[in-house]
Amino acid sequence: MSNKNISKEHSMYLKQNQKRKRTILISQITILILGLILWEIAARFNWIDSFLTSSPSQIWNLFLEYTKNGDLFYHVGISVFETVIGFLAGTLLGVFVAIGLWWSDFWAKVLAPYLVVLNSLPKTALAPIVIIWVGAGYSGIIVTAITVSIVVTIMNMFISFTSVDEDKIRLLETFGATKFQVLRKVVLPYSIPALMSTLKVNIGLSWVGVIVGEFLVSKAGIGYLIVYGGQVFRLDLVMMSVFILSIISAIMYKGIAIIENRFAKWHD
């Protein structure tokens, strides 16, 4: 739609919507900056114990130090690699299993109670067993990330597949469509919003799996820095690692949100 075809009222609505988004963003940044300033002031005037809580200036100086010697990029790169592989593998495997369950109603009913049990289990508590089975190192950490996210993906996508309008499926079958054509033409396009929501959830779950795995066996990565910082009472190192983890997670989440917006337009 060109700008000439937009009414004056609709144009005003769009402007107000953009203004509201800018106001929200500015408020979010302001709250963050004020929080950091108050934290720094409290540490400088000894209102809080900076040995236990560190301070923004200490974290920043440590960040510059780790950036200059290259250690930060090394640890962050390892964690991001493990998370991306675990995220992609967990999502793809989960979607394929969900398609298989949708395809076979028999196996869906057979495996339903097992999925419920697996979903209720604390996957992070099973991380030591997974690592022993798979092996310490990248493989064990990646598999831990996969186990955390795959069951959620299976259940979310299967529920989305089975909630497709039955009348649309019957219509295609009336015209002689195969099951694969029904999947490709109706079920998968209908389930794109559910897939995008699952991707957002899996970002956080994959990071949880990776950090837990790094807590246990890794000699590098963000999780290793957190554990090492706690062991030697370097709370500035711990806080720096947590901040970096938060920033990277937010960036990955935002990337999924951008993809979701584009797919939403295509879906509409």
Protein backbone atom coordinates (compact mmCIF):
# COMPACT_ATOMS: atom_id res chain seq x y z
CA MET A 1 0.00 0.00 0.00
CA SER A 2 1.44 3.36 -1.05
CA ASN A 3 1.43 6.41 1.19
CA LYS A 4 -1.13 8.08 -1.10
CA ASN A 5 -3.67 5.35 -0.31
CA ILE A 6 -3.28 5.72 3.48
CA SER A 7 -5.98 7.80 5.15
CA LYS A 8 -5.13 10.70 7.43
CA GLU A 9 -6.45 8.85 10.47
CA HIS A 10 -4.43 5.74 9.66
CA SER A 11 -1.33 7.86 9.12
CA MET A 12 -1.81 9.48 12.53
CA TYR A 13 -2.25 6.04 14.09
CA LEU A 14 1.02 4.83 12.53
CA LYS A 15 2.86 7.89 13.80
CA GLN A 16 1.47 7.43 17.31
CA ASN A 17 2.43 3.78 17.22
CA GLN A 18 6.01 4.62 16.20
CA LYS A 19 6.19 7.31 18.89
CA ARG A 20 5.00 4.83 21.51
CA LYS A 21 7.66 2.30 20.45
CA ARG A 22 10.37 4.96 20.71
CA THR A 23 9.10 5.98 24.14
CA ILE A 24 9.20 2.38 25.34
CA LEU A 25 12.74 1.91 24.03
CA ILE A 26 13.96 5.15 25.61
CA SER A 27 12.33 4.16 28.93
CA GLN A 28 14.00 0.76 28.85
CA ILE A 29 17.43 2.28 28.18
CA THR A 30 16.88 4.94 30.85
CA ILE A 31 16.00 2.35 33.49
CA LEU A 32 19.15 0.37 32.62
CA ILE A 33 21.40 3.43 32.79
CA LEU A 34 19.89 4.63 36.07
CA GLY A 35 20.28 1.17 37.57
CA LEU A 36 23.97 1.05 36.59
CA ILE A 37 24.57 4.56 37.96
CA LEU A 38 22.91 3.74 41.28
CA TRP A 39 24.89 0.50 41.47
CA GLU A 40 28.16 2.37 40.90
CA ILE A 41 27.31 5.07 43.46
CA ALA A 42 26.35 2.46 46.06
CA ALA A 43 29.67 0.67 45.52
CA ARG A 44 31.74 3.88 45.64
CA PHE A 45 30.14 5.05 48.93
CA ASN A 46 30.30 1.56 50.45
CA TRP A 47 26.55 1.28 50.73
CA ILE A 48 27.03 -2.23 49.39
CA ASP A 49 29.97 -4.61 49.64
CA SER A 50 31.66 -4.31 46.24
CA PHE A 51 33.62 -7.49 46.97
CA LEU A 52 30.34 -9.42 46.82
CA THR A 53 28.44 -7.37 44.25
CA SER A 54 31.31 -5.84 42.22
CA SER A 55 30.51 -2.59 40.40
CA PRO A 56 29.95 -1.43 36.80
CA SER A 57 33.40 0.21 36.63
CA GLN A 58 35.15 -2.96 37.80
CA ILE A 59 33.17 -5.06 35.33
CA TRP A 60 33.99 -2.62 32.51
CA ASN A 61 37.72 -2.64 33.31
CA LEU A 62 37.73 -6.43 33.39
CA PHE A 63 35.83 -6.49 30.09
CA LEU A 64 38.49 -4.30 28.48
CA GLU A 65 41.24 -6.50 29.89
CA TYR A 66 39.69 -9.72 28.57
CA THR A 67 38.98 -8.05 25.23
CA LYS A 68 42.56 -6.89 24.76
CA ASN A 69 44.15 -10.25 25.51
CA GLY A 70 41.59 -12.09 23.37
CA ASP A 71 40.32 -14.38 26.13
CA LEU A 72 36.82 -12.96 25.97
CA PHE A 73 36.33 -13.75 22.28
CA TYR A 74 37.68 -17.26 22.83
CA HIS A 75 35.26 -18.09 25.65
CA VAL A 76 32.27 -16.35 24.07
CA GLY A 77 32.94 -17.99 20.71
CA ILE A 78 32.92 -21.47 22.24
CA SER A 79 29.66 -20.89 24.12
CA VAL A 80 27.93 -19.33 21.10
CA PHE A 81 29.06 -22.21 18.87
CA GLU A 82 27.73 -24.81 21.32
CA THR A 83 24.46 -22.92 21.76
CA VAL A 84 23.81 -22.42 18.04
CA ILE A 85 24.49 -26.10 17.25
CA GLY A 86 22.35 -27.27 20.16
CA PHE A 87 19.59 -24.81 19.26
CA LEU A 88 19.45 -25.81 15.60
CA ALA A 89 19.76 -29.54 16.24
CA GLY A 90 17.18 -29.53 19.03
CA THR A 91 14.69 -27.53 16.97
CA LEU A 92 15.11 -29.54 13.76
CA LEU A 93 14.98 -32.90 15.52
CA GLY A 94 11.95 -31.80 17.51
CA VAL A 95 10.09 -30.64 14.39
CA PHE A 96 10.87 -33.88 12.53
CA VAL A 97 9.68 -36.00 15.45
CA ALA A 98 6.51 -33.89 15.72
CA ILE A 99 5.87 -34.43 12.00
CA GLY A 100 6.31 -38.18 12.52
CA LEU A 101 3.81 -38.18 15.38
CA TRP A 102 1.33 -36.18 13.30
CA TRP A 103 1.84 -38.59 10.41
CA SER A 104 1.13 -41.69 12.54
CA ASP A 105 -1.75 -41.37 14.97
CA PHE A 106 -0.85 -44.81 16.38
CA TRP A 107 2.66 -43.78 17.45
CA ALA A 108 1.39 -40.44 18.70
CA LYS A 109 -0.88 -42.22 21.16
CA VAL A 110 1.80 -44.75 22.10
CA LEU A 111 4.45 -42.12 22.83
CA ALA A 112 2.19 -39.48 24.41
CA PRO A 113 2.72 -40.58 28.06
CA TYR A 114 6.48 -40.82 27.54
CA LEU A 115 6.60 -37.26 26.21
CA VAL A 116 4.66 -36.05 29.24
CA VAL A 117 7.12 -37.79 31.58
CA LEU A 118 10.16 -36.47 29.69
CA ASN A 119 8.74 -32.95 29.73
CA SER A 120 8.23 -33.10 33.51
CA LEU A 121 11.77 -34.29 34.22
CA PRO A 122 14.36 -31.66 35.23
CA LYS A 123 16.62 -31.97 32.20
CA THR A 124 19.46 -30.05 33.82
CA ALA A 125 19.57 -32.63 36.61
CA LEU A 126 20.17 -35.31 33.97
CA ALA A 127 23.11 -33.39 32.49
CA PRO A 128 25.79 -35.41 34.37
CA ILE A 129 24.30 -38.67 33.05
CA VAL A 130 24.11 -37.31 29.50
CA ILE A 131 27.73 -36.14 29.64
CA ILE A 132 28.89 -39.52 30.96
CA TRP A 133 27.06 -41.28 28.13
CA VAL A 134 28.16 -38.95 25.34
CA GLY A 135 31.53 -37.88 26.71
CA ALA A 136 33.05 -34.78 28.22
CA GLY A 137 33.74 -31.96 25.80
CA TYR A 138 31.81 -30.18 23.09
CA SER A 139 29.68 -33.22 22.23
CA GLY A 140 28.40 -33.69 25.78
CA ILE A 141 27.56 -29.99 26.19
CA ILE A 142 25.77 -29.82 22.83
CA VAL A 143 23.74 -32.95 23.55
CA THR A 144 22.79 -31.48 26.92
CA ALA A 145 21.48 -28.38 25.12
CA ILE A 146 19.54 -30.59 22.70
CA THR A 147 17.90 -32.62 25.47
CA VAL A 148 16.71 -29.46 27.18
CA SER A 149 14.93 -28.08 24.11
CA ILE A 150 13.85 -31.06 22.01
CA VAL A 151 10.91 -32.24 24.14
CA VAL A 152 9.42 -28.74 24.31
CA THR A 153 9.75 -28.45 20.53
CA ILE A 154 8.05 -31.81 19.94
CA MET A 155 5.09 -31.02 22.18
CA ASN A 156 4.55 -27.45 20.94
CA MET A 157 4.78 -28.36 17.27
CA PHE A 158 2.67 -31.51 17.59
CA ILE A 159 -0.09 -29.56 19.34
CA SER A 160 0.06 -26.98 16.55
CA PHE A 161 -0.07 -29.67 13.84
CA THR A 162 -3.10 -31.36 15.37
CA SER A 163 -4.99 -28.08 15.84
CA VAL A 164 -5.23 -27.41 12.09
CA ASP A 165 -8.78 -27.00 10.83
CA GLU A 166 -10.00 -30.47 9.88
CA ASP A 167 -12.28 -29.05 7.19
CA LYS A 168 -9.29 -27.71 5.26
CA ILE A 169 -7.58 -31.09 5.44
CA ARG A 170 -10.73 -32.92 4.28
CA LEU A 171 -11.10 -30.46 1.40
CA LEU A 172 -7.60 -31.23 0.16
CA GLU A 173 -8.12 -34.96 0.61
CA THR A 174 -11.36 -34.69 -1.38
CA PHE A 175 -9.33 -33.35 -4.30
CA GLY A 176 -6.92 -36.27 -3.97
CA ALA A 177 -4.11 -34.61 -2.03
CA THR A 178 -1.56 -36.93 -0.45
CA LYS A 179 -0.60 -36.72 3.21
CA PHE A 180 2.69 -35.04 2.26
CA GLN A 181 0.80 -32.42 0.23
CA VAL A 182 -1.52 -31.76 3.17
CA LEU A 183 1.54 -31.33 5.38
CA ARG A 184 3.24 -28.97 2.96
CA LYS A 185 0.23 -26.92 1.89
CA VAL A 186 -1.76 -26.61 5.12
CA VAL A 187 -0.14 -27.97 8.27
CA LEU A 188 3.33 -26.43 8.02
CA PRO A 189 2.15 -22.94 6.92
CA TYR A 190 -0.47 -22.93 9.68
CA SER A 191 2.18 -23.85 12.27
CA ILE A 192 4.66 -21.08 11.45
CA PRO A 193 3.54 -18.86 14.39
CA ALA A 194 3.95 -21.82 16.75
CA LEU A 195 7.39 -22.51 15.29
CA MET A 196 8.47 -18.91 15.84
CA SER A 197 7.28 -19.02 19.45
CA THR A 198 9.13 -22.30 19.94
CA LEU A 199 12.32 -20.81 18.53
CA LYS A 200 12.12 -17.97 21.07
CA VAL A 201 11.75 -20.45 23.91
CA ASN A 202 14.52 -22.68 22.57
CA ILE A 203 17.04 -19.84 22.58
CA GLY A 204 16.83 -19.60 26.35
CA LEU A 205 16.63 -23.36 26.85
CA SER A 206 19.69 -23.96 24.68
CA TRP A 207 21.69 -21.45 26.71
CA VAL A 208 20.56 -23.17 29.91
CA GLY A 209 21.77 -26.53 28.59
CA VAL A 210 25.11 -25.11 27.44
CA ILE A 211 25.82 -23.24 30.68
CA VAL A 212 24.93 -26.28 32.80
CA GLY A 213 27.18 -28.45 30.64
CA GLU A 214 30.02 -25.95 30.94
CA PHE A 215 29.53 -25.85 34.70
CA LEU A 216 30.25 -29.58 34.80
CA VAL A 217 32.99 -30.37 32.31
CA SER A 218 34.11 -27.40 30.23
CA LYS A 219 37.51 -25.73 30.45
CA ALA A 220 36.34 -22.79 28.35
CA GLY A 221 33.19 -20.83 27.71
CA ILE A 222 30.95 -18.41 29.58
CA GLY A 223 29.83 -21.11 32.02
CA TYR A 224 33.45 -21.92 32.79
CA LEU A 225 34.18 -18.25 33.53
CA ILE A 226 31.24 -18.10 35.94
CA VAL A 227 32.37 -21.23 37.79
CA TYR A 228 36.01 -20.14 37.85
CA GLY A 229 35.10 -16.66 39.06
CA GLY A 230 33.06 -18.13 41.90
CA GLN A 231 35.83 -20.52 42.92
CA VAL A 232 38.48 -17.80 43.20
CA PHE A 233 36.02 -15.20 44.57
CA ARG A 234 36.31 -12.99 41.48
CA LEU A 235 32.76 -11.66 41.55
CA ASP A 236 33.59 -9.08 38.89
CA LEU A 237 34.38 -11.97 36.54
CA VAL A 238 31.12 -13.67 37.42
CA MET A 239 29.08 -10.50 36.88
CA MET A 240 30.87 -9.71 33.62
CA SER A 241 30.08 -13.21 32.34
CA VAL A 242 26.43 -12.85 33.34
CA PHE A 243 26.17 -9.48 31.57
CA ILE A 244 27.74 -10.88 28.40
CA LEU A 245 25.42 -13.89 28.54
CA SER A 246 22.41 -11.58 28.89
CA ILE A 247 23.49 -9.40 25.96
CA ILE A 248 24.15 -12.33 23.62
CA SER A 249 20.86 -14.00 24.58
CA ALA A 250 18.99 -10.75 23.92
CA ILE A 251 20.65 -10.36 20.51
CA MET A 252 19.76 -13.92 19.51
CA TYR A 253 16.19 -13.42 20.75
CA LYS A 254 15.91 -10.20 18.77
CA GLY A 255 17.16 -12.00 15.67
CA ILE A 256 14.38 -14.56 16.04
CA ALA A 257 11.86 -11.73 16.54
CA ILE A 258 12.98 -10.09 13.28
CA ILE A 259 12.59 -13.39 11.44
CA GLU A 260 9.17 -13.83 13.05
CA ASN A 261 8.00 -10.42 11.78
CA ARG A 262 8.99 -11.30 8.23
CA PHE A 263 7.34 -14.72 8.39
CA ALA A 264 4.24 -13.18 9.94
CA LYS A 265 3.80 -10.93 6.89
CA TRP A 266 4.27 -13.94 4.60
CA HIS A 267 1.87 -15.99 6.71
CA ASP A 268 -0.81 -13.29 6.53
